[in-house]
Structure formats: C-alpha cells, structure tokens
Amino acid sequence: MYIPIKVDYGVRALVDLALHGNDGPVRASEIAKRTAIPEQFLAQVLYSLNKNGITGSHRGPRGGHFLAMQPADIRLSSVMMSLGGTESPVACLSDSSACIHITCCAQRDVWRSVAAAVYDILDSTTIEDLVNNTLIRLESEKGMQPIVMKTAV
C-alpha cells in the first residue's frame, strides 16, 4: 500500500507538536528543523490538518501551530484521510470498471483483506502511541528509564 509523503510528513509534524507544544503554539520553522520536512511543504500539510480540525494555529509574534485534539484522539486513519492518502492497494477495489476480471478474480479478496488490515492498524494507532514510542526510544538511547505521556482525562 502506498503511503503518500504528505501523510508521512503530517504524522511527523503531529508527533512533534505533541512533544513540543506544551508551552504554547509552535512555529512551523521549528517543526521543519526538528523533523527535516521542507518548510513550504510543511505549510501545506499544516493547512490541511488545520482545515480538518486536527491542528489549529494563531498568527502573530507568539503564534504558531498546536494540536486541536488530544494526541490519544488523533488516529492515523484520520490523518491519512485528512491528507488524501486513501488509495486502495489495487484500482479494482475502488473502481470496479478498472478490471475485466472482477467477477471471477480471487485475488481481489486478498487485496481487500490487505486494505482492511492496513486500515485497522492505522485506526488503532494514535499520535499518543507514536509519542510514547518516541519517548521510549529516546530514553533507551540515553540509558534512562522511559517516560510515558499520559493524556489528561
């Protein structure tokens, strides 16, 4: 299954916002530096995430971007849909006229299962999960006890 770079960048930006947004809005230039996302492309990604209610932004000297939802409520499936990464692994799953073998094709069921499995993984994984995994990896790199993010209830 193809994951567009826009989706990858979106997930990276959201994890960065979750890690660094506790003190207020974060400037796009700071996110771009930490995540190695080209700033012009990041602007497009953040605009799409903002438009879909996943992030918000404030203008001005103390402005920047922030998460509009708790990290535990942001599922990767939502990020994927917000950033246009909803393509099927094969064209016939979304367009039955794409293949002349559709009525007798046994492999179509396999591709449907693959798409469903990928969606289930994306739908069960949140930004909070990725933040926690990032923190665990950072702490293990330093040889320290991992710190796990806890969402306010």
Protein backbone atom coordinates (compact mmCIF):
# COMPACT_ATOMS: atom_id res chain seq x y z
CA MET A 1 0.00 0.00 0.00
CA TYR A 2 1.28 3.42 -0.92
CA ILE A 3 1.57 6.00 1.87
CA PRO A 4 1.96 9.49 0.37
CA ILE A 5 4.83 11.62 1.66
CA LYS A 6 2.25 14.21 2.73
CA VAL A 7 0.84 11.66 5.20
CA ASP A 8 4.30 10.76 6.50
CA TYR A 9 5.11 14.45 6.98
CA GLY A 10 1.74 15.03 8.65
CA VAL A 11 2.34 12.28 11.18
CA ARG A 12 5.86 13.57 11.88
CA ALA A 13 4.54 17.11 12.39
CA LEU A 14 1.78 15.91 14.74
CA VAL A 15 4.23 13.91 16.86
CA ASP A 16 6.49 16.97 17.03
CA LEU A 17 3.57 19.17 18.10
CA ALA A 18 2.63 16.66 20.79
CA LEU A 19 6.21 16.56 22.05
CA HIS A 20 6.92 20.30 21.91
CA GLY A 21 3.54 22.03 22.12
CA ASN A 22 3.06 22.04 25.89
CA ASP A 23 4.35 25.60 26.24
CA GLY A 24 2.08 27.04 23.56
CA PRO A 25 1.96 27.26 19.79
CA VAL A 26 4.98 26.02 17.86
CA ARG A 27 6.35 27.83 14.82
CA ALA A 28 6.42 25.92 11.55
CA SER A 29 10.12 26.73 11.14
CA GLU A 30 10.88 24.92 14.42
CA ILE A 31 8.86 21.87 13.37
CA ALA A 32 10.58 21.86 9.97
CA LYS A 33 14.06 21.92 11.56
CA ARG A 34 13.34 19.10 14.01
CA THR A 35 11.54 16.85 11.52
CA ALA A 36 13.50 17.56 8.32
CA ILE A 37 10.31 18.50 6.48
CA PRO A 38 10.75 21.22 3.85
CA GLU A 39 9.07 24.31 5.30
CA GLN A 40 6.99 25.10 2.20
CA PHE A 41 5.63 21.56 2.09
CA LEU A 42 5.02 21.62 5.85
CA ALA A 43 2.85 24.71 5.39
CA GLN A 44 0.58 22.76 3.02
CA VAL A 45 0.41 19.81 5.42
CA LEU A 46 -0.42 22.01 8.41
CA TYR A 47 -3.04 23.87 6.39
CA SER A 48 -4.80 20.56 5.56
CA LEU A 49 -4.59 19.35 9.16
CA ASN A 50 -5.96 22.70 10.36
CA LYS A 51 -8.79 22.61 7.83
CA ASN A 52 -9.76 19.15 9.11
CA GLY A 53 -9.73 20.18 12.79
CA ILE A 54 -6.68 18.18 13.83
CA THR A 55 -4.48 21.22 14.42
CA GLY A 56 -5.08 24.91 14.98
CA SER A 57 -2.95 27.99 14.58
CA HIS A 58 -2.51 31.53 15.87
CA ARG A 59 -0.92 34.38 13.97
CA GLY A 60 1.40 36.95 15.39
CA PRO A 61 4.64 37.15 17.35
CA ARG A 62 3.52 34.48 19.84
CA GLY A 63 1.71 32.48 17.18
CA GLY A 64 2.27 29.07 15.73
CA HIS A 65 0.60 25.70 15.45
CA PHE A 66 -0.94 23.48 18.10
CA LEU A 67 -2.91 20.26 18.37
CA ALA A 68 -6.65 20.92 18.34
CA MET A 69 -7.29 17.46 19.81
CA GLN A 70 -5.68 15.28 22.44
CA PRO A 71 -2.90 13.07 20.96
CA ALA A 72 -4.84 9.98 22.13
CA ASP A 73 -7.78 11.07 19.96
CA ILE A 74 -5.81 11.55 16.75
CA ARG A 75 -5.86 8.25 14.87
CA LEU A 76 -3.52 7.69 11.96
CA SER A 77 -6.53 6.72 9.86
CA SER A 78 -7.88 10.27 10.36
CA VAL A 79 -4.54 11.78 9.43
CA MET A 80 -4.43 9.62 6.32
CA MET A 81 -7.94 10.67 5.28
CA SER A 82 -7.24 14.35 6.03
CA LEU A 83 -4.15 14.35 3.87
CA GLY A 84 -5.58 12.43 0.93
CA GLY A 85 -3.90 9.10 1.44
CA THR A 86 -6.92 6.87 0.94
CA GLU A 87 -5.89 5.00 -2.18
CA SER A 88 -6.62 1.27 -2.40
CA PRO A 89 -3.73 -1.14 -2.96
CA VAL A 90 -5.27 -2.00 -6.35
CA ALA A 91 -7.59 0.08 -8.52
CA CYS A 92 -10.38 -2.51 -8.72
CA LEU A 93 -11.24 -2.08 -5.03
CA SER A 94 -12.37 1.49 -5.55
CA ASP A 95 -13.36 1.26 -9.23
CA SER A 96 -14.99 -1.96 -10.40
CA SER A 97 -14.62 -0.90 -14.03
CA ALA A 98 -10.83 -0.92 -13.68
CA CYS A 99 -10.55 -4.63 -14.42
CA ILE A 100 -12.30 -7.03 -16.78
CA HIS A 101 -11.69 -9.98 -14.41
CA ILE A 102 -13.59 -8.52 -11.48
CA THR A 103 -16.41 -11.09 -11.46
CA CYS A 104 -14.10 -14.10 -11.16
CA CYS A 105 -10.98 -12.63 -9.56
CA ALA A 106 -9.88 -14.50 -6.45
CA GLN A 107 -7.02 -12.16 -5.63
CA ARG A 108 -9.38 -9.20 -5.21
CA ASP A 109 -10.45 -10.69 -1.84
CA VAL A 110 -6.80 -10.83 -0.78
CA TRP A 111 -6.26 -7.15 -1.68
CA ARG A 112 -9.48 -6.23 0.14
CA SER A 113 -8.15 -8.06 3.25
CA VAL A 114 -4.81 -6.29 2.95
CA ALA A 115 -6.54 -2.90 2.73
CA ALA A 116 -8.74 -3.74 5.73
CA ALA A 117 -5.73 -4.88 7.80
CA VAL A 118 -3.81 -1.70 7.00
CA TYR A 119 -6.84 0.43 7.87
CA ASP A 120 -7.28 -1.46 11.18
CA ILE A 121 -3.65 -0.77 12.11
CA LEU A 122 -3.95 2.91 11.19
CA ASP A 123 -7.26 3.22 13.03
CA SER A 124 -5.90 1.62 16.20
CA THR A 125 -2.69 3.69 16.28
CA THR A 126 -2.77 7.21 17.71
CA ILE A 127 -0.35 10.10 17.84
CA GLU A 128 -0.05 9.41 21.58
CA ASP A 129 1.14 5.86 20.77
CA LEU A 130 3.83 7.28 18.49
CA VAL A 131 4.84 9.91 21.05
CA ASN A 132 5.19 7.24 23.73
CA ASN A 133 7.27 5.05 21.42
CA THR A 134 9.43 8.05 20.54
CA LEU A 135 9.99 8.87 24.22
CA ILE A 136 10.85 5.25 24.99
CA ARG A 137 13.38 5.17 22.16
CA LEU A 138 14.92 8.49 23.18
CA GLU A 139 15.24 7.41 26.79
CA SER A 140 16.68 4.00 25.92
CA GLU A 141 19.24 5.78 23.72
CA LYS A 142 20.32 7.72 26.79
CA GLY A 143 20.13 4.63 29.03
CA MET A 144 17.41 6.16 31.18
CA GLN A 145 14.03 4.97 32.45
CA PRO A 146 11.36 5.71 29.80
CA ILE A 147 8.82 8.48 30.39
CA VAL A 148 5.37 7.72 29.02
CA MET A 149 2.99 10.52 28.04
CA LYS A 150 -0.32 10.47 29.90
CA THR A 151 -3.33 12.17 28.39
CA ALA A 152 -5.44 14.32 30.69
CA VAL A 153 -8.89 12.83 31.16
